[in-house]
């Protein structure tokens, strides 16, 4: 009977594999700063391509829906089908492009003008607030916020304003670089959407049925689908909420409607904690500018959030994420604590994809 070589034993191969992994981890830990720097350079280099993958993931549902509708139209009327793909691509990317152009051309300049106006009138706003507090000097709030404390706070904030403005201009330059990456990513996403069927067919032909790589591909597809549903639905819902907030602020004559509506819309992308985090700076801003309107503004925000939660959110977002509320809150809290704003944004779809992979039977039972 032929004896097996010790190099062919499963235990030996496991030991070699485990030792190799430990050596690699030890080398990474010994040169951690260099590895992190190299990873940062690599991510900055690949940022346009990664954005393209993200955009393609977000646009794929709209693209496939338009492609299906146009295919039915062409089949019903006996038309040629060569126009379906380019028209579907244009229809999928046109709404985001129009929104991005309006943000760059309208929202950013007006928001910058509002910030400049606020910084220019900051001393006047602080004096008005101090005078109002002096009228109610016997109230608990006035005793807690004494004029001396507020004057020191306002002086510190006013000293910080030039540095904040310089930082704003620096961030604007960084934003321009990001916009260039976004433009490259948008073009790359079109190529990905157009070639997605060929890419999937190529992987399906070369991967045997039931293989680990096919299961990994299925998991990646589930993650991409969850990302697409979450990001697209949250962005639509935030745009609707921002529009409702802007219209309501114009109706009730609240100051800085565009700036406050933009803050409310952007922070609303983060579930649960986002609306609260966005409301706090807006209330503080109104406290300086128009203190008598703060209570009415808080009441307006409560009514707006309730209307959004009961009427807009179920129809626009629904159960697209597929997570119980406790999991969503845990994902936002842990993601924000570990990775900041990026973790709060990406924690929910990543957790939803993990939840779908761990509990596929429960996902199939849910009608959503």
Protein backbone atom coordinates (compact mmCIF):
# COMPACT_ATOMS: atom_id res chain seq x y z
CA UNK A 1 0.00 0.00 0.00
CA UNK A 2 1.42 3.36 -1.06
CA UNK A 3 1.98 5.75 1.83
CA UNK A 4 0.83 9.37 1.56
CA UNK A 5 3.44 12.06 1.78
CA UNK A 6 3.27 14.11 5.00
CA UNK A 7 3.02 17.20 2.79
CA UNK A 8 -0.34 15.91 1.56
CA UNK A 9 -1.85 15.54 5.02
CA UNK A 10 -4.71 17.98 5.78
CA UNK A 11 -3.23 18.75 9.20
CA UNK A 12 0.13 19.71 7.69
CA UNK A 13 -1.50 21.95 5.09
CA UNK A 14 -3.63 23.61 7.77
CA UNK A 15 -0.54 24.28 9.88
CA UNK A 16 1.31 25.77 6.90
CA UNK A 17 -1.67 27.94 5.97
CA UNK A 18 -2.17 29.14 9.55
CA UNK A 19 1.53 29.88 9.96
CA UNK A 20 1.59 31.85 6.71
CA UNK A 21 -1.39 33.92 7.82
CA UNK A 22 0.25 34.62 11.18
CA UNK A 23 3.48 35.69 9.47
CA UNK A 24 1.59 38.06 7.18
CA UNK A 25 -0.34 39.54 10.12
CA UNK A 26 2.88 39.98 12.09
CA UNK A 27 4.51 41.76 9.15
CA UNK A 28 1.48 44.04 8.80
CA UNK A 29 1.48 44.90 12.51
CA UNK A 30 5.23 45.62 12.48
CA UNK A 31 4.82 48.05 9.56
CA UNK A 32 1.29 49.24 10.34
CA UNK A 33 1.86 52.92 9.49
CA UNK A 34 3.38 52.09 6.11
CA UNK A 35 0.56 49.66 5.35
CA UNK A 36 -2.11 52.21 6.28
CA UNK A 37 -0.39 54.88 4.19
CA UNK A 38 -0.20 52.53 1.21
CA UNK A 39 -3.87 51.61 1.63
CA UNK A 40 -4.80 55.30 1.77
CA UNK A 41 -2.87 56.05 -1.42
CA UNK A 42 -4.46 53.05 -3.13
CA UNK A 43 -7.96 54.09 -2.07
CA UNK A 44 -7.41 57.67 -3.25
CA UNK A 45 -6.19 56.35 -6.59
CA UNK A 46 -9.11 53.95 -6.96
CA UNK A 47 -11.71 56.43 -5.67
CA UNK A 48 -13.14 57.29 -9.14
CA UNK A 49 -13.53 53.59 -9.98
CA UNK A 50 -15.07 52.79 -6.59
CA UNK A 51 -17.49 55.67 -7.04
CA UNK A 52 -18.33 54.28 -10.47
CA UNK A 53 -19.17 50.90 -8.93
CA UNK A 54 -21.30 52.65 -6.30
CA UNK A 55 -23.15 54.73 -8.90
CA UNK A 56 -23.74 51.69 -11.09
CA UNK A 57 -25.17 49.84 -8.09
CA UNK A 58 -27.53 52.72 -7.32
CA UNK A 59 -28.61 53.25 -10.93
CA UNK A 60 -29.06 49.59 -11.86
CA UNK A 61 -32.70 49.23 -10.63
CA UNK A 62 -33.82 52.30 -12.61
CA UNK A 63 -31.83 51.19 -15.65
CA UNK A 64 -33.29 47.67 -15.62
CA UNK A 65 -36.82 48.99 -15.10
CA UNK A 66 -36.50 51.42 -18.01
CA UNK A 67 -34.93 48.75 -20.18
CA UNK A 68 -37.79 46.35 -19.46
CA UNK A 69 -40.44 48.99 -20.19
CA UNK A 70 -38.79 50.05 -23.45
CA UNK A 71 -38.38 46.41 -24.51
CA UNK A 72 -42.09 45.82 -24.00
CA UNK A 73 -42.88 48.98 -25.94
CA UNK A 74 -40.63 47.93 -28.83
CA UNK A 75 -42.07 44.41 -28.86
CA UNK A 76 -45.63 45.72 -28.80
CA UNK A 77 -45.11 48.18 -31.67
CA UNK A 78 -42.63 46.12 -33.66
CA UNK A 79 -39.83 48.69 -33.37
CA UNK A 80 -36.09 48.11 -33.59
CA UNK A 81 -34.30 47.46 -30.31
CA UNK A 82 -30.97 49.19 -30.92
CA UNK A 83 -32.11 52.35 -29.17
CA UNK A 84 -33.25 50.66 -25.94
CA UNK A 85 -29.90 50.46 -24.14
CA UNK A 86 -28.64 54.04 -24.75
CA UNK A 87 -32.04 55.56 -24.00
CA UNK A 88 -32.34 53.48 -20.80
CA UNK A 89 -28.85 54.58 -19.72
CA UNK A 90 -29.71 58.22 -20.40
CA UNK A 91 -33.02 57.94 -18.55
CA UNK A 92 -31.37 56.33 -15.53
CA UNK A 93 -28.56 58.86 -15.17
CA UNK A 94 -30.43 62.03 -16.18
CA UNK A 95 -32.32 62.65 -12.88
CA UNK A 96 -29.18 62.32 -10.68
CA UNK A 97 -27.25 64.56 -13.08
CA UNK A 98 -29.95 67.24 -12.95
CA UNK A 99 -30.03 67.05 -9.15
CA UNK A 100 -26.23 67.29 -8.96
CA UNK A 101 -26.15 70.27 -11.34
CA UNK A 102 -28.84 72.07 -9.36
CA UNK A 103 -26.93 71.42 -6.12
CA UNK A 104 -23.66 72.72 -7.56
CA UNK A 105 -25.16 75.73 -9.36
CA UNK A 106 -27.90 76.76 -6.92
CA UNK A 107 -27.64 75.16 -3.49
CA UNK A 108 -23.90 75.55 -2.82
CA UNK A 109 -23.67 79.27 -3.83
CA UNK A 110 -26.78 80.21 -1.85
CA UNK A 111 -25.63 78.19 1.15
CA UNK A 112 -22.22 79.89 1.01
CA UNK A 113 -23.96 83.28 0.83
CA UNK A 114 -26.06 82.37 3.87
CA UNK A 115 -22.94 81.35 5.80
CA UNK A 116 -21.19 84.62 4.91
CA UNK A 117 -24.26 86.61 5.95
CA UNK A 118 -24.47 84.69 9.21
CA UNK A 119 -20.78 85.25 10.01
CA UNK A 120 -21.05 88.95 9.15
CA UNK A 121 -24.04 89.50 11.43
CA UNK A 122 -22.94 87.17 14.20
CA UNK A 123 -22.08 89.94 16.67
CA UNK A 124 -25.45 91.59 16.11
CA UNK A 125 -27.28 88.30 16.61
CA UNK A 126 -25.39 87.65 19.86
CA UNK A 127 -26.19 91.14 21.19
CA UNK A 128 -29.88 90.67 20.39
CA UNK A 129 -29.91 87.37 22.24
CA UNK A 130 -28.19 88.94 25.27
CA UNK A 131 -30.75 91.77 25.37
CA UNK A 132 -33.59 89.28 25.25
CA UNK A 133 -32.11 87.27 28.09
CA UNK A 134 -31.74 90.42 30.20
CA UNK A 135 -35.51 90.93 29.95
CA UNK A 136 -36.06 87.54 31.54
CA UNK A 137 -33.22 87.68 34.05
CA UNK A 138 -35.20 85.85 36.74
CA UNK A 139 -36.00 82.77 34.68
CA UNK A 140 -34.05 79.53 35.32
CA UNK A 141 -32.72 79.54 31.76
CA UNK A 142 -31.37 83.07 32.12
CA UNK A 143 -29.70 82.21 35.43
CA UNK A 144 -28.12 79.18 33.81
CA UNK A 145 -26.97 81.20 30.79
CA UNK A 146 -25.67 84.35 32.44
CA UNK A 147 -24.67 87.29 30.21
CA UNK A 148 -21.03 86.93 31.28
CA UNK A 149 -20.95 83.29 30.19
CA UNK A 150 -22.67 84.07 26.91
CA UNK A 151 -20.36 87.01 26.18
CA UNK A 152 -17.33 84.78 26.70
CA UNK A 153 -18.89 82.11 24.48
CA UNK A 154 -19.72 84.61 21.73
CA UNK A 155 -16.23 86.12 21.88
CA UNK A 156 -14.67 82.68 21.50
CA UNK A 157 -16.95 81.84 18.59
CA UNK A 158 -16.25 85.17 16.89
CA UNK A 159 -12.51 84.58 17.21
CA UNK A 160 -12.98 81.20 15.57
CA UNK A 161 -14.98 82.51 12.61
CA UNK A 162 -11.98 83.52 10.39
CA UNK A 163 -10.39 80.12 10.90
CA UNK A 164 -13.69 78.46 10.10
CA UNK A 165 -14.01 80.48 6.90
CA UNK A 166 -10.47 79.53 5.82
CA UNK A 167 -11.28 75.91 6.54
CA UNK A 168 -14.45 76.28 4.48
CA UNK A 169 -12.47 77.51 1.48
CA UNK A 170 -9.97 74.64 1.88
CA UNK A 171 -12.79 72.17 1.98
CA UNK A 172 -14.28 73.79 -1.11
CA UNK A 173 -11.06 73.08 -3.01
CA UNK A 174 -11.18 69.49 -1.78
CA UNK A 175 -14.81 69.35 -2.89
CA UNK A 176 -13.81 70.35 -6.42
CA UNK A 177 -11.37 67.44 -6.53
CA UNK A 178 -14.09 65.13 -5.31
CA UNK A 179 -16.45 66.43 -8.00
CA UNK A 180 -13.89 65.52 -10.65
CA UNK A 181 -13.71 62.02 -9.21
CA UNK A 182 -17.50 61.89 -9.22
CA UNK A 183 -17.57 62.86 -12.90
CA UNK A 184 -15.09 60.12 -13.78
CA UNK A 185 -17.05 57.66 -11.65
CA UNK A 186 -20.31 58.58 -13.40
CA UNK A 187 -18.78 57.86 -16.82
CA UNK A 188 -17.33 54.59 -15.54
CA UNK A 189 -20.72 53.59 -14.12
CA UNK A 190 -22.27 53.90 -17.59
CA UNK A 191 -19.74 51.45 -18.98
CA UNK A 192 -20.42 49.10 -16.07
CA UNK A 193 -24.18 49.23 -16.59
CA UNK A 194 -23.84 48.64 -20.32
CA UNK A 195 -21.50 45.68 -19.85
CA UNK A 196 -23.13 44.18 -16.74
CA UNK A 197 -24.84 41.26 -18.59
CA UNK A 198 -21.58 40.21 -20.24
CA UNK A 199 -19.69 40.44 -16.94
CA UNK A 200 -22.29 38.29 -15.16
CA UNK A 201 -22.37 35.77 -18.01
CA UNK A 202 -18.57 35.53 -17.96
CA UNK A 203 -18.53 34.73 -14.24
CA UNK A 204 -21.48 32.32 -14.50
CA UNK A 205 -19.85 30.31 -17.29
CA UNK A 206 -16.54 29.92 -15.48
CA UNK A 207 -17.85 29.14 -12.01
CA UNK A 208 -19.23 25.63 -11.43
CA UNK A 209 -22.62 25.22 -9.79
CA UNK A 210 -22.42 25.12 -5.99
CA UNK A 211 -18.81 26.30 -5.82
CA UNK A 212 -17.59 28.59 -3.07
CA UNK A 213 -16.79 31.34 -5.54
CA UNK A 214 -20.34 31.21 -6.87
CA UNK A 215 -21.68 31.47 -3.32
CA UNK A 216 -19.32 34.40 -2.72
CA UNK A 217 -20.58 36.03 -5.91
CA UNK A 218 -24.15 35.54 -4.72
CA UNK A 219 -23.27 37.19 -1.42
CA UNK A 220 -21.64 40.13 -3.21
CA UNK A 221 -24.74 40.49 -5.38
CA UNK A 222 -26.90 40.53 -2.24
CA UNK A 223 -24.69 43.23 -0.71
CA UNK A 224 -24.84 45.32 -3.90
CA UNK A 225 -28.62 44.95 -4.07
CA UNK A 226 -29.00 46.04 -0.46
CA UNK A 227 -26.69 49.02 -1.02
CA UNK A 228 -28.65 50.01 -4.11
CA UNK A 229 -32.05 49.82 -2.41
CA UNK A 230 -30.88 51.63 0.71
CA UNK A 231 -28.94 54.47 -0.90
CA UNK A 232 -31.42 55.19 -3.70
CA UNK A 233 -34.47 55.08 -1.42
CA UNK A 234 -32.81 57.15 1.33
CA UNK A 235 -31.66 59.78 -1.17
CA UNK A 236 -35.15 60.07 -2.67
CA UNK A 237 -36.72 60.32 0.75
CA UNK A 238 -34.20 62.96 1.88
CA UNK A 239 -34.84 65.05 -1.23
CA UNK A 240 -38.59 64.94 -0.60
CA UNK A 241 -38.10 65.89 3.06
CA UNK A 242 -35.76 68.74 2.12
CA UNK A 243 -38.30 70.08 -0.37
CA UNK A 244 -41.12 69.89 2.17
CA UNK A 245 -38.95 71.61 4.78
CA UNK A 246 -38.01 74.38 2.35
CA UNK A 247 -41.63 74.96 1.34
CA UNK A 248 -42.79 75.01 4.96
CA UNK A 249 -40.07 77.45 6.01
CA UNK A 250 -40.99 79.79 3.16
CA UNK A 251 -44.66 79.51 4.14
CA UNK A 252 -44.01 80.37 7.80
CA UNK A 253 -41.28 82.95 7.05
CA UNK A 254 -38.47 81.24 8.96
CA UNK A 255 -34.99 82.68 8.25
CA UNK A 256 -32.33 80.85 6.21
CA UNK A 257 -34.77 78.37 4.64
CA UNK A 258 -32.35 76.97 2.04
CA UNK A 259 -29.46 76.46 4.46
CA UNK A 260 -31.61 74.79 7.12
CA UNK A 261 -33.46 72.63 4.58
CA UNK A 262 -30.15 71.45 3.13
CA UNK A 263 -28.91 70.45 6.61
CA UNK A 264 -32.17 68.62 7.36
CA UNK A 265 -32.09 66.77 4.02
CA UNK A 266 -28.43 65.71 4.23
CA UNK A 267 -28.58 64.49 7.83
CA UNK A 268 -31.81 62.60 7.15
CA UNK A 269 -29.85 60.08 5.04
CA UNK A 270 -28.72 58.52 8.33
CA UNK A 271 -31.71 56.63 9.83
CA UNK A 272 -33.03 57.45 13.31
CA UNK A 273 -30.11 59.57 14.57
CA UNK A 274 -29.78 61.73 11.45
CA UNK A 275 -32.95 63.84 11.90
CA UNK A 276 -32.08 64.55 15.55
CA UNK A 277 -28.47 65.44 14.70
CA UNK A 278 -29.63 67.76 11.92
CA UNK A 279 -32.27 69.51 14.02
CA UNK A 280 -29.88 70.60 16.79
CA UNK A 281 -27.68 73.01 14.75
CA UNK A 282 -30.75 74.39 12.99
CA UNK A 283 -32.44 75.18 16.30
CA UNK A 284 -29.23 76.79 17.60
CA UNK A 285 -29.00 78.89 14.44
CA UNK A 286 -32.55 80.17 14.89
CA UNK A 287 -31.82 80.85 18.56
CA UNK A 288 -29.22 83.42 17.47
CA UNK A 289 -31.10 84.85 14.49
CA UNK A 290 -34.75 84.83 15.57
CA UNK A 291 -35.24 83.53 19.13
CA UNK A 292 -38.99 84.15 19.20
CA UNK A 293 -39.43 81.64 16.34
CA UNK A 294 -37.52 78.77 17.96
CA UNK A 295 -40.53 77.11 19.61
CA UNK A 296 -42.60 77.39 16.43
CA UNK A 297 -39.70 75.95 14.43
CA UNK A 298 -39.35 73.00 16.82
CA UNK A 299 -43.09 72.37 16.50
CA UNK A 300 -42.78 72.60 12.70
CA UNK A 301 -39.93 70.05 12.71
CA UNK A 302 -41.93 67.64 14.89
CA UNK A 303 -44.94 67.83 12.57
CA UNK A 304 -42.69 67.50 9.51
CA UNK A 305 -40.89 64.44 10.91
CA UNK A 306 -44.17 62.78 11.86
CA UNK A 307 -45.62 63.41 8.40
CA UNK A 308 -42.45 62.07 6.80
CA UNK A 309 -42.39 58.96 9.01
CA UNK A 310 -46.06 58.09 8.47
CA UNK A 311 -46.68 59.07 4.85
CA UNK A 312 -43.43 59.59 2.90
CA UNK A 313 -41.11 56.95 4.38
CA UNK A 314 -43.43 53.91 4.01
CA UNK A 315 -44.13 54.72 0.35
CA UNK A 316 -40.63 55.75 -0.75
CA UNK A 317 -38.41 53.52 1.40
CA UNK A 318 -40.79 50.90 2.77
CA UNK A 319 -38.94 47.71 3.71
CA UNK A 320 -36.11 48.19 1.21
CA UNK A 321 -33.44 47.63 3.87
CA UNK A 322 -35.11 44.58 5.42
CA UNK A 323 -33.77 45.17 8.93
CA UNK A 324 -35.63 45.30 12.25
CA UNK A 325 -35.49 48.75 13.90
CA UNK A 326 -33.21 47.50 16.69
CA UNK A 327 -30.65 46.30 14.15
CA UNK A 328 -30.79 49.62 12.29
CA UNK A 329 -30.19 51.59 15.48
CA UNK A 330 -27.33 49.27 16.48
CA UNK A 331 -25.75 49.56 13.02
CA UNK A 332 -25.93 53.37 13.09
CA UNK A 333 -24.55 53.59 16.64
CA UNK A 334 -21.67 51.14 16.16
CA UNK A 335 -20.81 52.39 12.67
CA UNK A 336 -20.76 56.01 13.83
CA UNK A 337 -18.70 55.19 16.90
CA UNK A 338 -16.08 53.26 14.92
CA UNK A 339 -15.89 55.11 11.60
CA UNK A 340 -17.72 58.42 12.06
CA UNK A 341 -20.18 59.68 9.45
CA UNK A 342 -19.01 57.14 6.87
CA UNK A 343 -19.72 54.34 9.32
CA UNK A 344 -23.20 55.72 10.01
CA UNK A 345 -23.99 55.78 6.28
CA UNK A 346 -22.52 52.40 5.37
CA UNK A 347 -23.31 50.55 8.59
CA UNK A 348 -26.99 50.04 7.79
CA UNK A 349 -26.66 48.50 4.29
CA UNK A 350 -23.71 46.34 5.37
CA UNK A 351 -25.67 45.08 8.38
CA UNK A 352 -28.73 44.50 6.18
CA UNK A 353 -26.68 42.44 3.73
CA UNK A 354 -25.19 40.43 6.60
CA UNK A 355 -28.67 39.93 8.06
CA UNK A 356 -29.99 38.69 4.70
CA UNK A 357 -27.09 36.24 4.36
CA UNK A 358 -27.44 34.92 7.92
CA UNK A 359 -31.23 34.64 7.90
CA UNK A 360 -32.30 33.83 4.32
CA UNK A 361 -35.32 31.80 5.42
CA UNK A 362 -36.68 34.68 7.50
CA UNK A 363 -36.11 37.06 4.58
CA UNK A 364 -38.17 34.83 2.29
CA UNK A 365 -41.01 34.65 4.81
CA UNK A 366 -41.33 38.41 5.04
CA UNK A 367 -43.60 39.79 2.33
CA UNK A 368 -41.45 42.90 2.16
